[in-house]
Structures are given as structure tokens and as C-alpha cells.
Amino acid sequence: MMQTINNILVALDLSDIDETLIKYAAYLADSLQAEKVYFVHNIKKYEIIELFEDELAELNLEEMIGDELNETVAHNFKSKVEWEVLISNDPYTESLINYIVNKYEIQLTLVGNKNKVKGTGVMSGKLLHMLKCHILSVPKNIAPEITKLCIGTDFSNASRKSFVMANFLRKNVGCKVKAMHIYNVPLQFSPYLPKENLIPTIEKHIEEKSKKFIKRLKEYGDGIEFEIVPGRSSSVPENLIHQCLKEKFDMLMISDKGGNTFSSLVIGNVTDELFNEDLEFPLWVCK
């Protein structure tokens, strides 16, 4: 399974998170030996045209914003990789990004994690479902480096994608990789089954599943530490976030689909929840 990141797209929105995204893109472009980085901004002109129709008639908004972004990128993108700024005027930002991803054969899209300020981010969860490329959500003011990477896994076939990508990152940036599986005891069974029987049975089942999964990973699992963590009363996303903060991981990587009886990393569940969280570390969703 060959992995390459040739073309990177970065979604900018003229806010102060843009600088972080540009610097992070430069780090990844160099580390992963990308060929080109596209910086995209969508002007939702329809939102302001009715209020400022006369003023806008005399201005070339696309050109002005394009000049500003070119200047910002030139100042912050410390990489020799080729780059280009694309300005558009589309009512639907997600559709525009999806179009560009397909047109320019993008393998990785960077977006800002602005969930703290609801409604101001350039993206919504729709993007997670639309794009066929990897998505990296980056919080503001994060340092562009990956030294410790955590994979959230449910031992499903879909989850294997994260290990392939993590292995690619490890080879290129030299980061340490740890895989984590969070399991929860299914509440619907707990009133009828004694706890002393239920938990050991589930743990044994997970242990067997993990061994089979690691065997199937082949070289992608070499040197990766695995940890199985009981979910207790918290949800799977809460546990993953807690573990990442506790162990000071620089990034959490997760696959876009999965499926497991006791913890599910399925779009619309864990991946969606994590993507919409105000995280303190980057989240890489593997496609």
C-alpha cells in the first residue's frame, strides 16, 4: 500500500489562525516532500453585497484579498515547495473545497480548528463526509512539529489506514507512534450479567482481536506500542482526548470509518465528535 502526499490544500479564512496553518503546511510540505501547496480562500460576497453594493462596485475584492493572502503566505511559508493562492466566490465553501480537491488531485487538506468560536470556522462537519482525501484539523498557535503521534484504533480493516499513514509519517519525520484502543462495557448487558464475568470476557475478546489485527498489519505495525484502555464512564472521544493530553501527543490520527462491538470509530460517531471538538492538538482523519 503506497503512500504519498504530493499535493496539499490549505483552507484560509483571513483570520489569525491562517498563520498557524501556513507554517504547519510548510513543515509538512518539506517533511513529506510534497510537490505543491494550494492556499484557498472563498469570498462569500453574497453575504455583504446587499449592504455594501455601491462600495464593492468600485473595488476588485478578489484581487485585493488575493494580494493580501499572497503576502501573508510569502511571509509565513518557509519552504522551497511550490505554492499558489486560489481565490473564489462561491456560496458553498465545502463544495468549493471538494471541487478543488478533485481537480488538483489533493491528498491532504488542512483546516483550522475553530470550534471554540462557533460559526466562525471555514469548515463544518460536512467536509469530513465530502472529501476523499486526508483531513488535518489544526488548532491556533500550535507548533509545527510531530514527535509523538497517537493512533485511535478499533482494530477494524478501515482502521488499518491510520497505521499505513502513521508509518509514512514516522519514516519522514521520525516521530514515535503509539496505538490506543478505548473499550466500553456495553451498558445494555451489564444489568443482566455479573461484572466479574463481563469485564474479563470483553478484555479477552479485545486482546484476541488486537493480536489478529497486529498480525494483519505486517510491517506497518512494527515498533508501534499498543495500549488497551477501559473507557469507564467517559465516552471514547473524551478518553482519547484525555490520553493525548496526559501523554503530550503532538497529533491524534484516526480513520474515517470503523466498526467494533465495544467501541466504534465510525463517521457520525467518534470521528465526527472529535472533528467538532475544540482540541489542543492536531487531528488527522485518514481516508
C-alpha atoms as a PDB file:
ATOM      1  CA  MET A   1       0.000   0.000   0.000  1.00  0.00           C
ATOM      2  CA  MET A   2       1.900   3.025  -1.322  1.00  0.00           C
ATOM      3  CA  GLN A   3       1.506   6.352   0.464  1.00  0.00           C
ATOM      4  CA  THR A   4       2.419   9.744  -0.962  1.00  0.00           C
ATOM      5  CA  ILE A   5       1.361  13.300  -0.218  1.00  0.00           C
ATOM      6  CA  ASN A   6       2.096  15.199  -3.426  1.00  0.00           C
ATOM      7  CA  ASN A   7      -0.486  17.988  -3.300  1.00  0.00           C
ATOM      8  CA  ILE A   8      -1.674  19.766  -0.157  1.00  0.00           C
ATOM      9  CA  LEU A   9      -4.639  22.138   0.131  1.00  0.00           C
ATOM     10  CA  VAL A  10      -4.877  24.711   2.944  1.00  0.00           C
ATOM     11  CA  ALA A  11      -8.222  26.417   3.655  1.00  0.00           C
ATOM     12  CA  LEU A  12      -7.696  30.022   4.795  1.00  0.00           C
ATOM     13  CA  ASP A  13     -10.342  32.432   6.103  1.00  0.00           C
ATOM     14  CA  LEU A  14      -8.424  35.707   6.713  1.00  0.00           C
ATOM     15  CA  SER A  15      -8.462  35.157  10.489  1.00  0.00           C
ATOM     16  CA  ASP A  16      -5.477  34.882  12.833  1.00  0.00           C
ATOM     17  CA  ILE A  17      -5.420  31.068  12.542  1.00  0.00           C
ATOM     18  CA  ASP A  18      -4.151  31.405   8.942  1.00  0.00           C
ATOM     19  CA  GLU A  19      -0.566  32.000  10.082  1.00  0.00           C
ATOM     20  CA  THR A  20      -0.548  28.726  12.075  1.00  0.00           C
ATOM     21  CA  LEU A  21      -1.955  26.802   9.080  1.00  0.00           C
ATOM     22  CA  ILE A  22       0.591  28.261   6.638  1.00  0.00           C
ATOM     23  CA  LYS A  23       3.537  27.410   8.934  1.00  0.00           C
ATOM     24  CA  TYR A  24       2.195  23.904   9.567  1.00  0.00           C
ATOM     25  CA  ALA A  25       1.741  23.376   5.811  1.00  0.00           C
ATOM     26  CA  ALA A  26       5.359  24.440   5.210  1.00  0.00           C
ATOM     27  CA  TYR A  27       6.569  21.916   7.808  1.00  0.00           C
ATOM     28  CA  LEU A  28       4.545  19.087   6.247  1.00  0.00           C
ATOM     29  CA  ALA A  29       5.413  20.056   2.663  1.00  0.00           C
ATOM     30  CA  ASP A  30       9.123  19.822   3.465  1.00  0.00           C
ATOM     31  CA  SER A  31       8.875  16.733   5.690  1.00  0.00           C
ATOM     32  CA  LEU A  32       6.663  14.757   3.300  1.00  0.00           C
ATOM     33  CA  GLN A  33       8.399  16.020   0.138  1.00  0.00           C
ATOM     34  CA  ALA A  34       5.219  17.412  -1.376  1.00  0.00           C
ATOM     35  CA  GLU A  35       5.182  18.852  -4.890  1.00  0.00           C
ATOM     36  CA  LYS A  36       2.748  21.743  -4.446  1.00  0.00           C
ATOM     37  CA  VAL A  37       0.639  23.503  -1.811  1.00  0.00           C
ATOM     38  CA  TYR A  38      -2.594  25.311  -2.722  1.00  0.00           C
ATOM     39  CA  PHE A  39      -3.896  28.006  -0.372  1.00  0.00           C
ATOM     40  CA  VAL A  40      -7.629  28.524  -0.874  1.00  0.00           C
ATOM     41  CA  HIS A  41      -9.903  31.314   0.300  1.00  0.00           C
ATOM     42  CA  ASN A  42     -13.583  31.604  -0.546  1.00  0.00           C
ATOM     43  CA  ILE A  43     -15.093  35.098  -0.507  1.00  0.00           C
ATOM     44  CA  LYS A  44     -18.763  34.771   0.375  1.00  0.00           C
ATOM     45  CA  LYS A  45     -19.510  38.016  -1.424  1.00  0.00           C
ATOM     46  CA  TYR A  46     -23.264  37.422  -1.380  1.00  0.00           C
ATOM     47  CA  GLU A  47     -23.222  37.910   2.421  1.00  0.00           C
ATOM     48  CA  ILE A  48     -22.081  41.542   2.124  1.00  0.00           C
ATOM     49  CA  ILE A  49     -23.030  42.644  -1.381  1.00  0.00           C
ATOM     50  CA  GLU A  50     -26.518  43.874  -0.446  1.00  0.00           C
ATOM     51  CA  LEU A  51     -25.190  46.054   2.378  1.00  0.00           C
ATOM     52  CA  PHE A  52     -22.169  47.440   0.517  1.00  0.00           C
ATOM     53  CA  GLU A  53     -23.208  47.215  -3.124  1.00  0.00           C
ATOM     54  CA  ASP A  54     -22.047  50.738  -4.041  1.00  0.00           C
ATOM     55  CA  GLU A  55     -18.689  50.448  -2.257  1.00  0.00           C
ATOM     56  CA  LEU A  56     -17.971  46.999  -3.730  1.00  0.00           C
ATOM     57  CA  ALA A  57     -18.826  48.125  -7.258  1.00  0.00           C
ATOM     58  CA  GLU A  58     -15.655  50.238  -7.252  1.00  0.00           C
ATOM     59  CA  LEU A  59     -13.414  47.570  -5.728  1.00  0.00           C
ATOM     60  CA  ASN A  60     -11.883  44.394  -7.122  1.00  0.00           C
ATOM     61  CA  LEU A  61     -12.353  42.374  -3.952  1.00  0.00           C
ATOM     62  CA  GLU A  62     -10.829  39.162  -5.392  1.00  0.00           C
ATOM     63  CA  GLU A  63      -7.661  40.996  -6.410  1.00  0.00           C
ATOM     64  CA  MET A  64      -7.312  42.835  -3.088  1.00  0.00           C
ATOM     65  CA  ILE A  65      -7.774  39.689  -0.984  1.00  0.00           C
ATOM     66  CA  GLY A  66      -5.527  37.734  -3.364  1.00  0.00           C
ATOM     67  CA  ASP A  67      -2.731  40.297  -2.904  1.00  0.00           C
ATOM     68  CA  GLU A  68      -3.143  40.205   0.879  1.00  0.00           C
ATOM     69  CA  LEU A  69      -3.041  36.399   1.036  1.00  0.00           C
ATOM     70  CA  ASN A  70      -0.071  36.140  -1.322  1.00  0.00           C
ATOM     71  CA  GLU A  71       1.796  38.497   1.011  1.00  0.00           C
ATOM     72  CA  THR A  72       0.775  36.512   4.124  1.00  0.00           C
ATOM     73  CA  VAL A  73       1.796  33.185   2.560  1.00  0.00           C
ATOM     74  CA  ALA A  74       5.108  34.549   1.265  1.00  0.00           C
ATOM     75  CA  HIS A  75       5.920  35.815   4.775  1.00  0.00           C
ATOM     76  CA  ASN A  76       4.999  32.609   6.663  1.00  0.00           C
ATOM     77  CA  PHE A  77       5.601  29.736   4.224  1.00  0.00           C
ATOM     78  CA  LYS A  78       9.268  28.921   4.876  1.00  0.00           C
ATOM     79  CA  SER A  79       9.546  26.082   2.394  1.00  0.00           C
ATOM     80  CA  LYS A  80      11.015  25.640  -1.093  1.00  0.00           C
ATOM     81  CA  VAL A  81       7.932  23.724  -2.217  1.00  0.00           C
ATOM     82  CA  GLU A  82       5.909  25.458  -4.956  1.00  0.00           C
ATOM     83  CA  TRP A  83       2.698  27.159  -3.795  1.00  0.00           C
ATOM     84  CA  GLU A  84      -0.277  29.024  -5.210  1.00  0.00           C
ATOM     85  CA  VAL A  85      -3.130  31.119  -3.790  1.00  0.00           C
ATOM     86  CA  LEU A  86      -6.612  30.407  -5.180  1.00  0.00           C
ATOM     87  CA  ILE A  87      -9.425  32.916  -4.560  1.00  0.00           C
ATOM     88  CA  SER A  88     -13.033  32.067  -5.274  1.00  0.00           C
ATOM     89  CA  ASN A  89     -16.508  33.488  -4.782  1.00  0.00           C
ATOM     90  CA  ASP A  90     -18.834  30.591  -4.040  1.00  0.00           C
ATOM     91  CA  PRO A  91     -21.895  30.397  -1.761  1.00  0.00           C
ATOM     92  CA  TYR A  92     -20.822  26.935  -0.536  1.00  0.00           C
ATOM     93  CA  THR A  93     -17.290  26.703   0.825  1.00  0.00           C
ATOM     94  CA  GLU A  94     -17.411  22.914   1.365  1.00  0.00           C
ATOM     95  CA  SER A  95     -18.471  22.270  -2.252  1.00  0.00           C
ATOM     96  CA  LEU A  96     -15.711  24.565  -3.497  1.00  0.00           C
ATOM     97  CA  ILE A  97     -13.057  22.779  -1.422  1.00  0.00           C
ATOM     98  CA  ASN A  98     -14.355  19.414  -2.641  1.00  0.00           C
ATOM     99  CA  TYR A  99     -14.145  20.626  -6.258  1.00  0.00           C
ATOM    100  CA  ILE A 100     -10.534  21.808  -5.801  1.00  0.00           C
ATOM    101  CA  VAL A 101      -9.539  18.551  -4.050  1.00  0.00           C
ATOM    102  CA  ASN A 102     -10.761  16.580  -7.066  1.00  0.00           C
ATOM    103  CA  LYS A 103      -9.453  18.982  -9.728  1.00  0.00           C
ATOM    104  CA  TYR A 104      -5.918  19.287  -8.332  1.00  0.00           C
ATOM    105  CA  GLU A 105      -5.651  15.693  -7.034  1.00  0.00           C
ATOM    106  CA  ILE A 106      -5.151  16.779  -3.421  1.00  0.00           C
ATOM    107  CA  GLN A 107      -4.055  14.092  -0.942  1.00  0.00           C
ATOM    108  CA  LEU A 108      -4.220  16.213   2.238  1.00  0.00           C
ATOM    109  CA  THR A 109      -6.424  19.172   3.237  1.00  0.00           C
ATOM    110  CA  LEU A 110      -5.546  21.396   6.221  1.00  0.00           C
ATOM    111  CA  VAL A 111      -8.318  23.262   8.021  1.00  0.00           C
ATOM    112  CA  GLY A 112      -8.296  25.393  11.154  1.00  0.00           C
ATOM    113  CA  ASN A 113      -9.879  24.037  14.327  1.00  0.00           C
ATOM    114  CA  LYS A 114     -12.045  26.995  15.326  1.00  0.00           C
ATOM    115  CA  ASN A 115     -14.706  25.123  17.249  1.00  0.00           C
ATOM    116  CA  LYS A 116     -14.174  27.352  20.297  1.00  0.00           C
ATOM    117  CA  VAL A 117     -15.773  30.185  18.337  1.00  0.00           C
ATOM    118  CA  LYS A 118     -18.877  28.529  16.908  1.00  0.00           C
ATOM    119  CA  GLY A 119     -19.820  29.544  13.403  1.00  0.00           C
ATOM    120  CA  THR A 120     -16.577  31.325  12.538  1.00  0.00           C
ATOM    121  CA  GLY A 121     -14.624  28.391  11.106  1.00  0.00           C
ATOM    122  CA  VAL A 122     -14.298  27.931   7.363  1.00  0.00           C
ATOM    123  CA  MET A 123     -15.403  24.341   7.699  1.00  0.00           C
ATOM    124  CA  SER A 124     -18.145  22.226   9.107  1.00  0.00           C
ATOM    125  CA  GLY A 125     -18.503  18.504   9.654  1.00  0.00           C
ATOM    126  CA  LYS A 126     -19.873  18.268   6.094  1.00  0.00           C
ATOM    127  CA  LEU A 127     -16.325  18.429   4.794  1.00  0.00           C
ATOM    128  CA  LEU A 128     -15.438  15.297   6.717  1.00  0.00           C
ATOM    129  CA  HIS A 129     -18.031  13.355   4.718  1.00  0.00           C
ATOM    130  CA  MET A 130     -17.412  15.019   1.341  1.00  0.00           C
ATOM    131  CA  LEU A 131     -13.652  14.880   0.859  1.00  0.00           C
ATOM    132  CA  LYS A 132     -11.905  11.790  -0.429  1.00  0.00           C
ATOM    133  CA  CYS A 133      -8.504  12.951   0.829  1.00  0.00           C
ATOM    134  CA  HIS A 134      -6.947  13.030   4.306  1.00  0.00           C
ATOM    135  CA  ILE A 135      -8.079  15.936   6.504  1.00  0.00           C
ATOM    136  CA  LEU A 136      -5.918  17.594   9.135  1.00  0.00           C
ATOM    137  CA  SER A 137      -7.616  19.911  11.630  1.00  0.00           C
ATOM    138  CA  VAL A 138      -5.083  22.264  13.243  1.00  0.00           C
ATOM    139  CA  PRO A 139      -5.689  24.426  16.331  1.00  0.00           C
ATOM    140  CA  LYS A 140      -4.393  28.000  16.574  1.00  0.00           C
ATOM    141  CA  ASN A 141      -0.787  28.669  17.687  1.00  0.00           C
ATOM    142  CA  ILE A 142       0.256  25.002  17.583  1.00  0.00           C
ATOM    143  CA  ALA A 143       3.964  24.370  16.938  1.00  0.00           C
ATOM    144  CA  PRO A 144       4.599  22.760  13.523  1.00  0.00           C
ATOM    145  CA  GLU A 145       6.245  19.529  14.696  1.00  0.00           C
ATOM    146  CA  ILE A 146       5.311  15.880  15.168  1.00  0.00           C
ATOM    147  CA  THR A 147       7.406  13.979  17.701  1.00  0.00           C
ATOM    148  CA  LYS A 148       4.714  11.818  19.358  1.00  0.00           C
ATOM    149  CA  LEU A 149       1.763  10.502  17.378  1.00  0.00           C
ATOM    150  CA  CYS A 150      -1.256   8.655  18.774  1.00  0.00           C
ATOM    151  CA  ILE A 151      -3.450   6.382  16.641  1.00  0.00           C
ATOM    152  CA  GLY A 152      -7.018   5.774  17.808  1.00  0.00           C
ATOM    153  CA  THR A 153      -7.930   2.269  16.638  1.00  0.00           C
ATOM    154  CA  ASP A 154     -10.851  -0.139  16.883  1.00  0.00           C
ATOM    155  CA  PHE A 155      -8.964  -3.000  15.135  1.00  0.00           C
ATOM    156  CA  SER A 156     -11.257  -2.809  12.087  1.00  0.00           C
ATOM    157  CA  ASN A 157      -9.990  -3.036   8.488  1.00  0.00           C
ATOM    158  CA  ALA A 158     -10.775   0.669   7.997  1.00  0.00           C
ATOM    159  CA  SER A 159      -8.574   1.462  10.983  1.00  0.00           C
ATOM    160  CA  ARG A 160      -5.585  -0.017   9.125  1.00  0.00           C
ATOM    161  CA  LYS A 161      -5.400   3.159   7.001  1.00  0.00           C
ATOM    162  CA  SER A 162      -4.192   5.079  10.055  1.00  0.00           C
ATOM    163  CA  PHE A 163      -1.281   2.691  10.548  1.00  0.00           C
ATOM    164  CA  VAL A 164      -0.212   2.974   6.910  1.00  0.00           C
ATOM    165  CA  MET A 165      -0.239   6.786   7.134  1.00  0.00           C
ATOM    166  CA  ALA A 166       1.384   6.828  10.597  1.00  0.00           C
ATOM    167  CA  ASN A 167       4.178   4.620   9.238  1.00  0.00           C
ATOM    168  CA  PHE A 168       4.650   7.068   6.342  1.00  0.00           C
ATOM    169  CA  LEU A 169       4.858   9.992   8.794  1.00  0.00           C
ATOM    170  CA  ARG A 170       7.228   8.080  11.066  1.00  0.00           C
ATOM    171  CA  LYS A 171       9.631   7.439   8.178  1.00  0.00           C
ATOM    172  CA  ASN A 172       9.545  11.091   7.106  1.00  0.00           C
ATOM    173  CA  VAL A 173       9.518  12.990  10.413  1.00  0.00           C
ATOM    174  CA  GLY A 174      10.948  10.374  12.786  1.00  0.00           C
ATOM    175  CA  CYS A 175       8.057  10.527  15.279  1.00  0.00           C
ATOM    176  CA  LYS A 176       7.224   7.907  17.899  1.00  0.00           C
ATOM    177  CA  VAL A 177       3.882   6.181  17.314  1.00  0.00           C
ATOM    178  CA  LYS A 178       1.523   4.635  19.865  1.00  0.00           C
ATOM    179  CA  ALA A 179      -1.820   2.980  19.109  1.00  0.00           C
ATOM    180  CA  MET A 180      -4.672   3.216  21.584  1.00  0.00           C
ATOM    181  CA  HIS A 181      -7.912   1.284  21.803  1.00  0.00           C
ATOM    182  CA  ILE A 182     -10.638   2.506  24.154  1.00  0.00           C
ATOM    183  CA  TYR A 183     -13.287  -0.021  25.078  1.00  0.00           C
ATOM    184  CA  ASN A 184     -16.565   0.431  26.903  1.00  0.00           C
ATOM    185  CA  VAL A 185     -18.626  -2.234  28.619  1.00  0.00           C
ATOM    186  CA  PRO A 186     -21.970  -2.352  26.751  1.00  0.00           C
ATOM    187  CA  LEU A 187     -24.491  -0.949  29.211  1.00  0.00           C
ATOM    188  CA  GLN A 188     -27.404  -2.904  27.760  1.00  0.00           C
ATOM    189  CA  PHE A 189     -25.832  -6.156  29.017  1.00  0.00           C
ATOM    190  CA  SER A 190     -24.496  -5.018  32.386  1.00  0.00           C
ATOM    191  CA  PRO A 191     -27.756  -5.334  34.394  1.00  0.00           C
ATOM    192  CA  TYR A 192     -28.093  -8.990  33.360  1.00  0.00           C
ATOM    193  CA  LEU A 193     -24.503 -10.191  33.503  1.00  0.00           C
ATOM    194  CA  PRO A 194     -22.305 -10.155  36.616  1.00  0.00           C
ATOM    195  CA  LYS A 195     -19.485  -7.608  36.301  1.00  0.00           C
ATOM    196  CA  GLU A 196     -16.852 -10.118  37.413  1.00  0.00           C
ATOM    197  CA  ASN A 197     -17.706 -12.245  34.326  1.00  0.00           C
ATOM    198  CA  LEU A 198     -18.468  -9.444  31.878  1.00  0.00           C
ATOM    199  CA  ILE A 199     -15.241  -7.399  32.028  1.00  0.00           C
ATOM    200  CA  PRO A 200     -12.742 -10.330  31.788  1.00  0.00           C
ATOM    201  CA  THR A 201     -14.740 -11.779  28.851  1.00  0.00           C
ATOM    202  CA  ILE A 202     -14.662  -8.459  26.998  1.00  0.00           C
ATOM    203  CA  GLU A 203     -10.968  -7.927  27.772  1.00  0.00           C
ATOM    204  CA  LYS A 204     -10.117 -11.411  26.500  1.00  0.00           C
ATOM    205  CA  HIS A 205     -12.132 -10.795  23.321  1.00  0.00           C
ATOM    206  CA  ILE A 206     -10.328  -7.451  22.712  1.00  0.00           C
ATOM    207  CA  GLU A 207      -6.919  -8.985  23.411  1.00  0.00           C
ATOM    208  CA  GLU A 208      -7.538 -11.716  20.826  1.00  0.00           C
ATOM    209  CA  LYS A 209      -8.858  -9.184  18.317  1.00  0.00           C
ATOM    210  CA  SER A 210      -5.822  -6.929  18.819  1.00  0.00           C
ATOM    211  CA  LYS A 211      -3.380  -9.828  18.252  1.00  0.00           C
ATOM    212  CA  LYS A 212      -5.105 -10.786  14.982  1.00  0.00           C
ATOM    213  CA  PHE A 213      -5.150  -7.133  13.886  1.00  0.00           C
ATOM    214  CA  ILE A 214      -1.434  -6.605  14.666  1.00  0.00           C
ATOM    215  CA  LYS A 215      -0.604  -9.751  12.688  1.00  0.00           C
ATOM    216  CA  ARG A 216      -2.567  -8.427   9.686  1.00  0.00           C
ATOM    217  CA  LEU A 217      -0.764  -5.076   9.862  1.00  0.00           C
ATOM    218  CA  LYS A 218       2.548  -6.737   8.956  1.00  0.00           C
ATOM    219  CA  GLU A 219       5.332  -4.143   8.584  1.00  0.00           C
ATOM    220  CA  TYR A 220       3.015  -1.202   9.346  1.00  0.00           C
ATOM    221  CA  GLY A 221       2.752  -2.295  12.966  1.00  0.00           C
ATOM    222  CA  ASP A 222       6.498  -2.748  13.549  1.00  0.00           C
ATOM    223  CA  GLY A 223       7.742  -0.816  16.571  1.00  0.00           C
ATOM    224  CA  ILE A 224       4.311   0.571  17.454  1.00  0.00           C
ATOM    225  CA  GLU A 225       3.261   0.291  21.084  1.00  0.00           C
ATOM    226  CA  PHE A 226      -0.353  -0.803  21.658  1.00  0.00           C
ATOM    227  CA  GLU A 227      -2.410   0.132  24.698  1.00  0.00           C
ATOM    228  CA  ILE A 228      -5.945  -1.019  25.567  1.00  0.00           C
ATOM    229  CA  VAL A 229      -7.715   1.470  27.837  1.00  0.00           C
ATOM    230  CA  PRO A 230     -11.019   0.835  29.659  1.00  0.00           C
ATOM    231  CA  GLY A 231     -13.471   3.638  28.870  1.00  0.00           C
ATOM    232  CA  ARG A 232     -15.107   3.598  32.307  1.00  0.00           C
ATOM    233  CA  SER A 233     -17.802   6.283  32.478  1.00  0.00           C
ATOM    234  CA  SER A 234     -16.389   8.615  29.799  1.00  0.00           C
ATOM    235  CA  SER A 235     -17.067   8.396  26.081  1.00  0.00           C
ATOM    236  CA  VAL A 236     -14.466   7.155  23.572  1.00  0.00           C
ATOM    237  CA  PRO A 237     -13.695  10.711  22.283  1.00  0.00           C
ATOM    238  CA  GLU A 238     -13.306  12.041  25.839  1.00  0.00           C
ATOM    239  CA  ASN A 239     -10.951   9.196  26.714  1.00  0.00           C
ATOM    240  CA  LEU A 240      -8.846   9.690  23.577  1.00  0.00           C
ATOM    241  CA  ILE A 241      -8.548  13.431  24.249  1.00  0.00           C
ATOM    242  CA  HIS A 242      -7.659  12.789  27.894  1.00  0.00           C
ATOM    243  CA  GLN A 243      -4.953  10.242  26.965  1.00  0.00           C
ATOM    244  CA  CYS A 244      -3.468  12.520  24.267  1.00  0.00           C
ATOM    245  CA  LEU A 245      -3.216  15.453  26.695  1.00  0.00           C
ATOM    246  CA  LYS A 246      -1.894  13.262  29.513  1.00  0.00           C
ATOM    247  CA  GLU A 247       0.858  11.739  27.349  1.00  0.00           C
ATOM    248  CA  LYS A 248       1.535  15.007  25.465  1.00  0.00           C
ATOM    249  CA  PHE A 249       0.965  13.713  21.941  1.00  0.00           C
ATOM    250  CA  ASP A 250       1.542  16.192  19.093  1.00  0.00           C
ATOM    251  CA  MET A 251      -1.178  14.635  16.960  1.00  0.00           C
ATOM    252  CA  LEU A 252      -4.109  12.209  17.056  1.00  0.00           C
ATOM    253  CA  MET A 253      -4.689  10.112  13.946  1.00  0.00           C
ATOM    254  CA  ILE A 254      -7.949   8.305  13.310  1.00  0.00           C
ATOM    255  CA  SER A 255      -9.633   6.585  10.341  1.00  0.00           C
ATOM    256  CA  ASP A 256     -12.840   7.928   8.871  1.00  0.00           C
ATOM    257  CA  LYS A 257     -14.700   4.638   9.246  1.00  0.00           C
ATOM    258  CA  GLY A 258     -14.563   1.663  11.549  1.00  0.00           C
ATOM    259  CA  GLY A 259     -16.735  -0.664  13.474  1.00  0.00           C
ATOM    260  CA  ASN A 260     -16.494  -2.625  16.678  1.00  0.00           C
ATOM    261  CA  THR A 261     -18.943  -4.045  19.169  1.00  0.00           C
ATOM    262  CA  PHE A 262     -17.446  -2.274  22.166  1.00  0.00           C
ATOM    263  CA  SER A 263     -16.078   0.946  20.702  1.00  0.00           C
ATOM    264  CA  SER A 264     -16.846   2.331  17.327  1.00  0.00           C
ATOM    265  CA  LEU A 265     -14.788   4.820  15.336  1.00  0.00           C
ATOM    266  CA  VAL A 266     -17.477   5.434  12.757  1.00  0.00           C
ATOM    267  CA  ILE A 267     -18.170   8.694  10.947  1.00  0.00           C
ATOM    268  CA  GLY A 268     -21.131  10.224  12.699  1.00  0.00           C
ATOM    269  CA  ASN A 269     -19.766   8.933  15.965  1.00  0.00           C
ATOM    270  CA  VAL A 270     -16.217   9.191  17.318  1.00  0.00           C
ATOM    271  CA  THR A 271     -14.570  10.773  14.258  1.00  0.00           C
ATOM    272  CA  ASP A 272     -17.335  13.348  13.887  1.00  0.00           C
ATOM    273  CA  GLU A 273     -17.289  14.149  17.598  1.00  0.00           C
ATOM    274  CA  LEU A 274     -13.524  14.616  17.630  1.00  0.00           C
ATOM    275  CA  PHE A 275     -13.612  16.769  14.480  1.00  0.00           C
ATOM    276  CA  ASN A 276     -16.129  19.088  16.167  1.00  0.00           C
ATOM    277  CA  GLU A 277     -14.225  19.313  19.450  1.00  0.00           C
ATOM    278  CA  ASP A 278     -12.090  22.271  20.474  1.00  0.00           C
ATOM    279  CA  LEU A 279      -8.865  20.225  20.520  1.00  0.00           C
ATOM    280  CA  GLU A 280      -5.478  21.392  21.764  1.00  0.00           C
ATOM    281  CA  PHE A 281      -3.631  19.178  19.265  1.00  0.00           C
ATOM    282  CA  PRO A 282      -3.982  18.480  15.517  1.00  0.00           C
ATOM    283  CA  LEU A 283      -6.404  15.750  14.418  1.00  0.00           C
ATOM    284  CA  TRP A 284      -5.553  13.806  11.235  1.00  0.00           C
ATOM    285  CA  VAL A 285      -8.502  11.915   9.710  1.00  0.00           C
ATOM    286  CA  CYS A 286      -7.309   9.188   7.327  1.00  0.00           C
ATOM    287  CA  LYS A 287      -9.361   8.421   4.246  1.00  0.00           C
END
